[in-house]
PDB file of all heavy atoms in Angstrom:
ATOM      1  N   GLN A   1     175.048  80.560 165.796  1.00  0.00           N
ATOM      2  CA  GLN A   1     174.258  79.505 165.243  1.00  0.00           C
ATOM      3  C   GLN A   1     175.133  78.454 164.555  1.00  0.00           C
ATOM      4  O   GLN A   1     174.797  77.256 164.495  1.00  0.00           O
ATOM      5  CB  GLN A   1     173.207  80.024 164.298  1.00  0.00           C
ATOM      6  CG  GLN A   1     172.101  80.841 164.934  1.00  0.00           C
ATOM      7  CD  GLN A   1     171.165  79.939 165.738  1.00  0.00           C
ATOM      8  OE1 GLN A   1     171.078  78.726 165.503  1.00  0.00           O
ATOM      9  NE2 GLN A   1     170.416  80.559 166.649  1.00  0.00           N
ATOM     10  N   LEU A   2     176.248  78.910 163.963  1.00  0.00           N
ATOM     11  CA  LEU A   2     177.110  77.999 163.191  1.00  0.00           C
ATOM     12  C   LEU A   2     178.313  77.484 163.984  1.00  0.00           C
ATOM     13  O   LEU A   2     179.158  76.787 163.405  1.00  0.00           O
ATOM     14  CB  LEU A   2     177.685  78.809 161.982  1.00  0.00           C
ATOM     15  CG  LEU A   2     176.621  79.195 160.927  1.00  0.00           C
ATOM     16  CD1 LEU A   2     177.210  80.252 159.949  1.00  0.00           C
ATOM     17  CD2 LEU A   2     176.090  78.017 160.200  1.00  0.00           C
ATOM     18  N   ARG A   3     178.290  77.701 165.296  1.00  0.00           N
ATOM     19  CA  ARG A   3     179.505  77.360 166.049  1.00  0.00           C
ATOM     20  C   ARG A   3     179.753  75.847 166.093  1.00  0.00           C
ATOM     21  O   ARG A   3     180.905  75.450 166.323  1.00  0.00           O
ATOM     22  CB  ARG A   3     179.377  77.869 167.514  1.00  0.00           C
ATOM     23  CG  ARG A   3     178.254  77.261 168.339  1.00  0.00           C
ATOM     24  CD  ARG A   3     178.192  77.893 169.736  1.00  0.00           C
ATOM     25  NE  ARG A   3     177.134  77.273 170.574  1.00  0.00           N
ATOM     26  CZ  ARG A   3     175.894  77.612 170.545  1.00  0.00           C
ATOM     27  NH1 ARG A   3     175.436  78.596 169.739  1.00  0.00           N
ATOM     28  NH2 ARG A   3     174.996  77.011 171.351  1.00  0.00           N
ATOM     29  N   ASP A   4     178.752  74.994 165.960  1.00  0.00           N
ATOM     30  CA  ASP A   4     178.938  73.583 165.960  1.00  0.00           C
ATOM     31  C   ASP A   4     179.024  72.952 164.577  1.00  0.00           C
ATOM     32  O   ASP A   4     178.875  71.744 164.421  1.00  0.00           O
ATOM     33  CB  ASP A   4     177.797  72.936 166.728  1.00  0.00           C
ATOM     34  CG  ASP A   4     177.784  73.334 168.227  1.00  0.00           C
ATOM     35  OD1 ASP A   4     178.867  73.524 168.812  1.00  0.00           O
ATOM     36  OD2 ASP A   4     176.666  73.419 168.806  1.00  0.00           O
ATOM     37  N   THR A   5     179.295  73.813 163.595  1.00  0.00           N
ATOM     38  CA  THR A   5     179.437  73.312 162.214  1.00  0.00           C
ATOM     39  C   THR A   5     180.877  73.593 161.687  1.00  0.00           C
ATOM     40  O   THR A   5     181.627  74.210 162.382  1.00  0.00           O
ATOM     41  CB  THR A   5     178.417  74.028 161.281  1.00  0.00           C
ATOM     42  OG1 THR A   5     178.903  75.354 161.032  1.00  0.00           O
ATOM     43  CG2 THR A   5     177.045  74.068 161.863  1.00  0.00           C
ATOM     44  N   GLY A   6     181.119  73.145 160.489  1.00  0.00           N
ATOM     45  CA  GLY A   6     182.408  73.353 159.877  1.00  0.00           C
ATOM     46  C   GLY A   6     182.676  74.821 159.558  1.00  0.00           C
ATOM     47  O   GLY A   6     183.743  75.242 159.202  1.00  0.00           O
ATOM     48  N   LEU A   7     181.628  75.683 159.573  1.00  0.00           N
ATOM     49  CA  LEU A   7     181.725  77.123 159.329  1.00  0.00           C
ATOM     50  C   LEU A   7     181.974  77.944 160.554  1.00  0.00           C
ATOM     51  O   LEU A   7     181.830  79.158 160.532  1.00  0.00           O
ATOM     52  CB  LEU A   7     180.462  77.583 158.573  1.00  0.00           C
ATOM     53  CG  LEU A   7     180.165  76.920 157.227  1.00  0.00           C
ATOM     54  CD1 LEU A   7     178.959  77.574 156.595  1.00  0.00           C
ATOM     55  CD2 LEU A   7     181.393  76.978 156.293  1.00  0.00           C
ATOM     56  N   ALA A   8     182.312  77.287 161.684  1.00  0.00           N
ATOM     57  CA  ALA A   8     182.436  78.011 162.951  1.00  0.00           C
ATOM     58  C   ALA A   8     183.412  79.153 162.817  1.00  0.00           C
ATOM     59  O   ALA A   8     183.267  80.255 163.384  1.00  0.00           O
ATOM     60  CB  ALA A   8     182.856  77.062 164.047  1.00  0.00           C
ATOM     61  N   GLY A   9     184.506  78.972 162.072  1.00  0.00           N
ATOM     62  CA  GLY A   9     185.527  80.001 161.935  1.00  0.00           C
ATOM     63  C   GLY A   9     185.501  80.718 160.629  1.00  0.00           C
ATOM     64  O   GLY A   9     186.456  81.380 160.248  1.00  0.00           O
ATOM     65  N   ALA A  10     184.399  80.636 159.879  1.00  0.00           N
ATOM     66  CA  ALA A  10     184.298  81.231 158.562  1.00  0.00           C
ATOM     67  C   ALA A  10     184.343  82.714 158.619  1.00  0.00           C
ATOM     68  O   ALA A  10     183.757  83.360 159.533  1.00  0.00           O
ATOM     69  CB  ALA A  10     183.035  80.741 157.842  1.00  0.00           C
ATOM     70  N   PRO A  11     185.007  83.399 157.652  1.00  0.00           N
ATOM     71  CA  PRO A  11     184.988  84.841 157.618  1.00  0.00           C
ATOM     72  C   PRO A  11     183.589  85.361 157.309  1.00  0.00           C
ATOM     73  O   PRO A  11     182.777  84.666 156.699  1.00  0.00           O
ATOM     74  CB  PRO A  11     186.005  85.202 156.526  1.00  0.00           C
ATOM     75  CG  PRO A  11     186.015  83.985 155.641  1.00  0.00           C
ATOM     76  CD  PRO A  11     185.760  82.830 156.562  1.00  0.00           C
ATOM     77  N   ALA A  12     183.293  86.583 157.729  1.00  0.00           N
ATOM     78  CA  ALA A  12     182.008  87.222 157.459  1.00  0.00           C
ATOM     79  C   ALA A  12     182.183  88.515 156.687  1.00  0.00           C
ATOM     80  O   ALA A  12     183.108  89.305 157.008  1.00  0.00           O
ATOM     81  CB  ALA A  12     181.292  87.438 158.734  1.00  0.00           C
ATOM     82  N   VAL A  13     181.328  88.723 155.741  1.00  0.00           N
ATOM     83  CA  VAL A  13     181.343  89.978 154.896  1.00  0.00           C
ATOM     84  C   VAL A  13     179.947  90.462 154.787  1.00  0.00           C
ATOM     85  O   VAL A  13     179.044  89.733 154.528  1.00  0.00           O
ATOM     86  CB  VAL A  13     181.964  89.717 153.545  1.00  0.00           C
ATOM     87  CG1 VAL A  13     181.986  90.967 152.722  1.00  0.00           C
ATOM     88  CG2 VAL A  13     183.362  89.093 153.653  1.00  0.00           C
ATOM     89  N   ALA A  14     179.814  91.804 154.976  1.00  0.00           N
ATOM     90  CA  ALA A  14     178.508  92.446 154.758  1.00  0.00           C
ATOM     91  C   ALA A  14     178.508  93.093 153.380  1.00  0.00           C
ATOM     92  O   ALA A  14     179.482  93.746 152.982  1.00  0.00           O
ATOM     93  CB  ALA A  14     178.258  93.491 155.812  1.00  0.00           C
ATOM     94  N   VAL A  15     177.393  92.899 152.651  1.00  0.00           N
ATOM     95  CA  VAL A  15     177.308  93.412 151.251  1.00  0.00           C
ATOM     96  C   VAL A  15     175.945  94.007 151.001  1.00  0.00           C
ATOM     97  O   VAL A  15     174.931  93.730 151.722  1.00  0.00           O
ATOM     98  CB  VAL A  15     177.546  92.292 150.249  1.00  0.00           C
ATOM     99  CG1 VAL A  15     178.918  91.634 150.429  1.00  0.00           C
ATOM    100  CG2 VAL A  15     176.452  91.267 150.244  1.00  0.00           C
ATOM    101  N   SER A  16     175.869  94.754 149.961  1.00  0.00           N
ATOM    102  CA  SER A  16     174.599  95.224 149.396  1.00  0.00           C
ATOM    103  C   SER A  16     174.635  95.026 147.918  1.00  0.00           C
ATOM    104  O   SER A  16     175.477  95.623 147.247  1.00  0.00           O
ATOM    105  CB  SER A  16     174.367  96.701 149.703  1.00  0.00           C
ATOM    106  OG  SER A  16     173.259  97.190 148.984  1.00  0.00           O
ATOM    107  N   ALA A  17     173.774  94.135 147.383  1.00  0.00           N
ATOM    108  CA  ALA A  17     173.765  93.889 145.957  1.00  0.00           C
ATOM    109  C   ALA A  17     173.207  95.125 145.199  1.00  0.00           C
ATOM    110  O   ALA A  17     173.417  95.277 144.039  1.00  0.00           O
ATOM    111  CB  ALA A  17     172.917  92.644 145.676  1.00  0.00           C
ATOM    112  N   VAL A  18     172.465  95.989 145.955  1.00  0.00           N
ATOM    113  CA  VAL A  18     171.859  97.157 145.320  1.00  0.00           C
ATOM    114  C   VAL A  18     172.913  98.230 145.080  1.00  0.00           C
ATOM    115  O   VAL A  18     173.061  98.806 144.033  1.00  0.00           O
ATOM    116  CB  VAL A  18     170.674  97.676 146.184  1.00  0.00           C
ATOM    117  CG1 VAL A  18     170.148  99.010 145.587  1.00  0.00           C
ATOM    118  CG2 VAL A  18     169.547  96.614 146.234  1.00  0.00           C
ATOM    119  N   THR A  19     173.665  98.541 146.179  1.00  0.00           N
ATOM    120  CA  THR A  19     174.667  99.598 146.040  1.00  0.00           C
ATOM    121  C   THR A  19     176.027  99.087 145.582  1.00  0.00           C
ATOM    122  O   THR A  19     176.884  99.862 145.160  1.00  0.00           O
ATOM    123  CB  THR A  19     174.843 100.286 147.410  1.00  0.00           C
ATOM    124  OG1 THR A  19     175.433  99.353 148.334  1.00  0.00           O
ATOM    125  CG2 THR A  19     173.518 100.759 147.946  1.00  0.00           C
ATOM    126  N   GLY A  20     176.260  97.779 145.710  1.00  0.00           N
ATOM    127  CA  GLY A  20     177.571  97.215 145.370  1.00  0.00           C
ATOM    128  C   GLY A  20     178.550  97.209 146.498  1.00  0.00           C
ATOM    129  O   GLY A  20     179.665  96.664 146.376  1.00  0.00           O
ATOM    130  N   ALA A  21     178.142  97.747 147.658  1.00  0.00           N
ATOM    131  CA  ALA A  21     179.041  97.832 148.800  1.00  0.00           C
ATOM    132  C   ALA A  21     179.411  96.438 149.258  1.00  0.00           C
ATOM    133  O   ALA A  21     178.512  95.556 149.374  1.00  0.00           O
ATOM    134  CB  ALA A  21     178.383  98.562 149.890  1.00  0.00           C
ATOM    135  N   GLY A  22     180.678  96.226 149.501  1.00  0.00           N
ATOM    136  CA  GLY A  22     181.158  94.925 150.048  1.00  0.00           C
ATOM    137  C   GLY A  22     181.366  93.799 149.042  1.00  0.00           C
ATOM    138  O   GLY A  22     181.936  92.785 149.379  1.00  0.00           O
ATOM    139  N   LEU A  23     180.969  94.054 147.775  1.00  0.00           N
ATOM    140  CA  LEU A  23     181.120  92.930 146.828  1.00  0.00           C
ATOM    141  C   LEU A  23     182.552  92.678 146.500  1.00  0.00           C
ATOM    142  O   LEU A  23     182.976  91.553 146.354  1.00  0.00           O
ATOM    143  CB  LEU A  23     180.326  93.283 145.519  1.00  0.00           C
ATOM    144  CG  LEU A  23     178.811  93.288 145.672  1.00  0.00           C
ATOM    145  CD1 LEU A  23     178.160  93.594 144.305  1.00  0.00           C
ATOM    146  CD2 LEU A  23     178.277  91.894 146.132  1.00  0.00           C
ATOM    147  N   ASP A  24     183.362  93.745 146.369  1.00  0.00           N
ATOM    148  CA  ASP A  24     184.814  93.518 146.095  1.00  0.00           C
ATOM    149  C   ASP A  24     185.496  92.790 147.273  1.00  0.00           C
ATOM    150  O   ASP A  24     186.306  91.896 147.092  1.00  0.00           O
ATOM    151  CB  ASP A  24     185.469  94.822 145.828  1.00  0.00           C
ATOM    152  CG  ASP A  24     185.181  95.368 144.444  1.00  0.00           C
ATOM    153  OD1 ASP A  24     184.730  94.540 143.583  1.00  0.00           O
ATOM    154  OD2 ASP A  24     185.394  96.557 144.183  1.00  0.00           O
ATOM    155  N   GLU A  25     185.095  93.208 148.513  1.00  0.00           N
ATOM    156  CA  GLU A  25     185.615  92.492 149.685  1.00  0.00           C
ATOM    157  C   GLU A  25     185.211  91.051 149.695  1.00  0.00           C
ATOM    158  O   GLU A  25     186.029  90.164 150.029  1.00  0.00           O
ATOM    159  CB  GLU A  25     185.148  93.189 150.924  1.00  0.00           C
ATOM    160  CG  GLU A  25     185.730  92.572 152.221  1.00  0.00           C
ATOM    161  CD  GLU A  25     185.092  93.128 153.492  1.00  0.00           C
ATOM    162  OE1 GLU A  25     184.352  94.130 153.389  1.00  0.00           O
ATOM    163  OE2 GLU A  25     185.409  92.573 154.612  1.00  0.00           O
ATOM    164  N   LEU A  26     183.978  90.833 149.281  1.00  0.00           N
ATOM    165  CA  LEU A  26     183.508  89.414 149.243  1.00  0.00           C
ATOM    166  C   LEU A  26     184.331  88.594 148.188  1.00  0.00           C
ATOM    167  O   LEU A  26     184.671  87.416 148.470  1.00  0.00           O
ATOM    168  CB  LEU A  26     182.027  89.359 148.925  1.00  0.00           C
ATOM    169  CG  LEU A  26     181.458  87.968 148.744  1.00  0.00           C
ATOM    170  CD1 LEU A  26     181.661  87.080 149.999  1.00  0.00           C
ATOM    171  CD2 LEU A  26     179.898  88.060 148.422  1.00  0.00           C
ATOM    172  N   ARG A  27     184.546  89.213 147.100  1.00  0.00           N
ATOM    173  CA  ARG A  27     185.357  88.507 146.070  1.00  0.00           C
ATOM    174  C   ARG A  27     186.735  88.155 146.557  1.00  0.00           C
ATOM    175  O   ARG A  27     187.223  87.034 146.357  1.00  0.00           O
ATOM    176  CB  ARG A  27     185.440  89.396 144.799  1.00  0.00           C
ATOM    177  CG  ARG A  27     184.132  89.558 144.057  1.00  0.00           C
ATOM    178  CD  ARG A  27     184.329  90.340 142.731  1.00  0.00           C
ATOM    179  NE  ARG A  27     183.083  90.509 142.004  1.00  0.00           N
ATOM    180  CZ  ARG A  27     182.354  91.622 142.019  1.00  0.00           C
ATOM    181  NH1 ARG A  27     182.757  92.682 142.780  1.00  0.00           N
ATOM    182  NH2 ARG A  27     181.222  91.670 141.361  1.00  0.00           N
ATOM    183  N   HIS A  28     187.366  89.060 147.243  1.00  0.00           N
ATOM    184  CA  HIS A  28     188.734  88.801 147.788  1.00  0.00           C
ATOM    185  C   HIS A  28     188.630  87.798 148.923  1.00  0.00           C
ATOM    186  O   HIS A  28     189.525  86.911 149.021  1.00  0.00           O
ATOM    187  CB  HIS A  28     189.383  90.060 148.289  1.00  0.00           C
ATOM    188  CG  HIS A  28     189.895  90.941 147.194  1.00  0.00           C
ATOM    189  ND1 HIS A  28     189.210  91.966 146.595  1.00  0.00           N
ATOM    190  CD2 HIS A  28     191.125  90.937 146.567  1.00  0.00           C
ATOM    191  CE1 HIS A  28     189.911  92.556 145.649  1.00  0.00           C
ATOM    192  NE2 HIS A  28     191.097  91.922 145.608  1.00  0.00           N
ATOM    193  N   THR A  29     187.584  87.859 149.720  1.00  0.00           N
ATOM    194  CA  THR A  29     187.433  86.863 150.819  1.00  0.00           C
ATOM    195  C   THR A  29     187.240  85.488 150.263  1.00  0.00           C
ATOM    196  O   THR A  29     187.796  84.509 150.741  1.00  0.00           O
ATOM    197  CB  THR A  29     186.284  87.289 151.715  1.00  0.00           C
ATOM    198  OG1 THR A  29     186.526  88.601 152.210  1.00  0.00           O
ATOM    199  CG2 THR A  29     186.133  86.275 152.837  1.00  0.00           C
ATOM    200  N   LEU A  30     186.430  85.380 149.189  1.00  0.00           N
ATOM    201  CA  LEU A  30     186.214  84.083 148.550  1.00  0.00           C
ATOM    202  C   LEU A  30     187.578  83.550 148.004  1.00  0.00           C
ATOM    203  O   LEU A  30     187.828  82.321 148.117  1.00  0.00           O
ATOM    204  CB  LEU A  30     185.183  84.185 147.356  1.00  0.00           C
ATOM    205  CG  LEU A  30     183.752  84.300 147.790  1.00  0.00           C
ATOM    206  CD1 LEU A  30     182.891  84.614 146.608  1.00  0.00           C
ATOM    207  CD2 LEU A  30     183.284  83.000 148.427  1.00  0.00           C
ATOM    208  N   ASP A  31     188.350  84.388 147.433  1.00  0.00           N
ATOM    209  CA  ASP A  31     189.669  84.027 146.956  1.00  0.00           C
ATOM    210  C   ASP A  31     190.510  83.416 148.083  1.00  0.00           C
ATOM    211  O   ASP A  31     191.174  82.346 147.909  1.00  0.00           O
ATOM    212  CB  ASP A  31     190.387  85.230 146.353  1.00  0.00           C
ATOM    213  CG  ASP A  31     190.882  84.995 144.981  1.00  0.00           C
ATOM    214  OD1 ASP A  31     190.969  83.847 144.534  1.00  0.00           O
ATOM    215  OD2 ASP A  31     191.214  86.004 144.303  1.00  0.00           O
ATOM    216  N   GLU A  32     190.488  84.063 149.243  1.00  0.00           N
ATOM    217  CA  GLU A  32     191.283  83.586 150.374  1.00  0.00           C
ATOM    218  C   GLU A  32     190.746  82.254 150.881  1.00  0.00           C
ATOM    219  O   GLU A  32     191.546  81.383 151.228  1.00  0.00           O
ATOM    220  CB  GLU A  32     191.229  84.639 151.495  1.00  0.00           C
ATOM    221  CG  GLU A  32     191.976  85.885 151.153  1.00  0.00           C
ATOM    222  CD  GLU A  32     191.688  87.010 152.176  1.00  0.00           C
ATOM    223  OE1 GLU A  32     190.919  86.754 153.154  1.00  0.00           O
ATOM    224  OE2 GLU A  32     192.269  88.137 152.041  1.00  0.00           O
ATOM    225  N   VAL A  33     189.442  82.127 150.943  1.00  0.00           N
ATOM    226  CA  VAL A  33     188.883  80.848 151.405  1.00  0.00           C
ATOM    227  C   VAL A  33     189.204  79.717 150.432  1.00  0.00           C
ATOM    228  O   VAL A  33     189.610  78.608 150.827  1.00  0.00           O
ATOM    229  CB  VAL A  33     187.368  80.986 151.559  1.00  0.00           C
ATOM    230  CG1 VAL A  33     186.724  79.609 151.757  1.00  0.00           C
ATOM    231  CG2 VAL A  33     187.046  81.905 152.758  1.00  0.00           C
ATOM    232  N   LEU A  34     189.040  79.997 149.138  1.00  0.00           N
ATOM    233  CA  LEU A  34     189.310  78.958 148.123  1.00  0.00           C
ATOM    234  C   LEU A  34     190.750  78.515 148.119  1.00  0.00           C
ATOM    235  O   LEU A  34     191.050  77.391 147.743  1.00  0.00           O
ATOM    236  CB  LEU A  34     188.862  79.452 146.758  1.00  0.00           C
ATOM    237  CG  LEU A  34     187.357  79.744 146.580  1.00  0.00           C
ATOM    238  CD1 LEU A  34     187.102  80.308 145.224  1.00  0.00           C
ATOM    239  CD2 LEU A  34     186.538  78.463 146.815  1.00  0.00           C
ATOM    240  N   ALA A  35     191.677  79.376 148.508  1.00  0.00           N
ATOM    241  CA  ALA A  35     193.079  79.023 148.574  1.00  0.00           C
ATOM    242  C   ALA A  35     193.344  77.975 149.619  1.00  0.00           C
ATOM    243  O   ALA A  35     194.384  77.257 149.564  1.00  0.00           O
ATOM    244  CB  ALA A  35     193.921  80.290 148.829  1.00  0.00           C
ATOM    245  N   THR A  36     192.419  77.839 150.588  1.00  0.00           N
ATOM    246  CA  THR A  36     192.614  76.825 151.675  1.00  0.00           C
ATOM    247  C   THR A  36     191.905  75.506 151.397  1.00  0.00           C
ATOM    248  O   THR A  36     192.071  74.554 152.162  1.00  0.00           O
ATOM    249  CB  THR A  36     192.053  77.375 153.035  1.00  0.00           C
ATOM    250  OG1 THR A  36     190.642  77.488 152.910  1.00  0.00           O
ATOM    251  CG2 THR A  36     192.645  78.767 153.305  1.00  0.00           C
ATOM    252  N   VAL A  37     191.139  75.457 150.335  1.00  0.00           N
ATOM    253  CA  VAL A  37     190.404  74.210 150.007  1.00  0.00           C
ATOM    254  C   VAL A  37     191.372  73.193 149.474  1.00  0.00           C
ATOM    255  O   VAL A  37     192.147  73.514 148.541  1.00  0.00           O
ATOM    256  CB  VAL A  37     189.269  74.514 148.971  1.00  0.00           C
ATOM    257  CG1 VAL A  37     188.587  73.199 148.561  1.00  0.00           C
ATOM    258  CG2 VAL A  37     188.289  75.471 149.532  1.00  0.00           C
ATOM    259  N   PRO A  38     191.406  71.957 149.942  1.00  0.00           N
ATOM    260  CA  PRO A  38     192.328  70.922 149.423  1.00  0.00           C
ATOM    261  C   PRO A  38     192.127  70.715 147.928  1.00  0.00           C
ATOM    262  O   PRO A  38     190.988  70.792 147.430  1.00  0.00           O
ATOM    263  CB  PRO A  38     191.946  69.686 150.259  1.00  0.00           C
ATOM    264  CG  PRO A  38     191.289  70.212 151.511  1.00  0.00           C
ATOM    265  CD  PRO A  38     190.589  71.480 151.077  1.00  0.00           C
ATOM    266  N   ALA A  39     193.212  70.433 147.260  1.00  0.00           N
ATOM    267  CA  ALA A  39     193.165  70.175 145.797  1.00  0.00           C
ATOM    268  C   ALA A  39     192.368  68.915 145.583  1.00  0.00           C
ATOM    269  O   ALA A  39     192.508  67.939 146.302  1.00  0.00           O
ATOM    270  CB  ALA A  39     194.513  70.060 145.229  1.00  0.00           C
ATOM    271  N   PRO A  40     191.512  68.870 144.547  1.00  0.00           N
ATOM    272  CA  PRO A  40     190.730  67.671 144.273  1.00  0.00           C
ATOM    273  C   PRO A  40     191.633  66.589 143.686  1.00  0.00           C
ATOM    274  O   PRO A  40     192.745  66.858 143.210  1.00  0.00           O
ATOM    275  CB  PRO A  40     189.724  68.115 143.244  1.00  0.00           C
ATOM    276  CG  PRO A  40     190.413  69.262 142.549  1.00  0.00           C
ATOM    277  CD  PRO A  40     191.203  69.958 143.636  1.00  0.00           C
ATOM    278  N   VAL A  41     191.163  65.340 143.779  1.00  0.00           N
ATOM    279  CA  VAL A  41     191.886  64.199 143.245  1.00  0.00           C
ATOM    280  C   VAL A  41     191.677  64.149 141.717  1.00  0.00           C
ATOM    281  O   VAL A  41     190.607  63.895 141.230  1.00  0.00           O
ATOM    282  CB  VAL A  41     191.366  62.893 143.879  1.00  0.00           C
ATOM    283  CG1 VAL A  41     192.167  61.673 143.339  1.00  0.00           C
ATOM    284  CG2 VAL A  41     191.517  62.965 145.389  1.00  0.00           C
TER     285      VAL A  41
END
């Protein structure tokens, strides 16, 4: 569904807010994504 958007190559993470599964992976993935964001002016 996202193939024609800017998120075509975005990483994917599965999580459960109830059990906490995947939340640490999501935090690290967000870190990696944010490292690629251009610095603001």
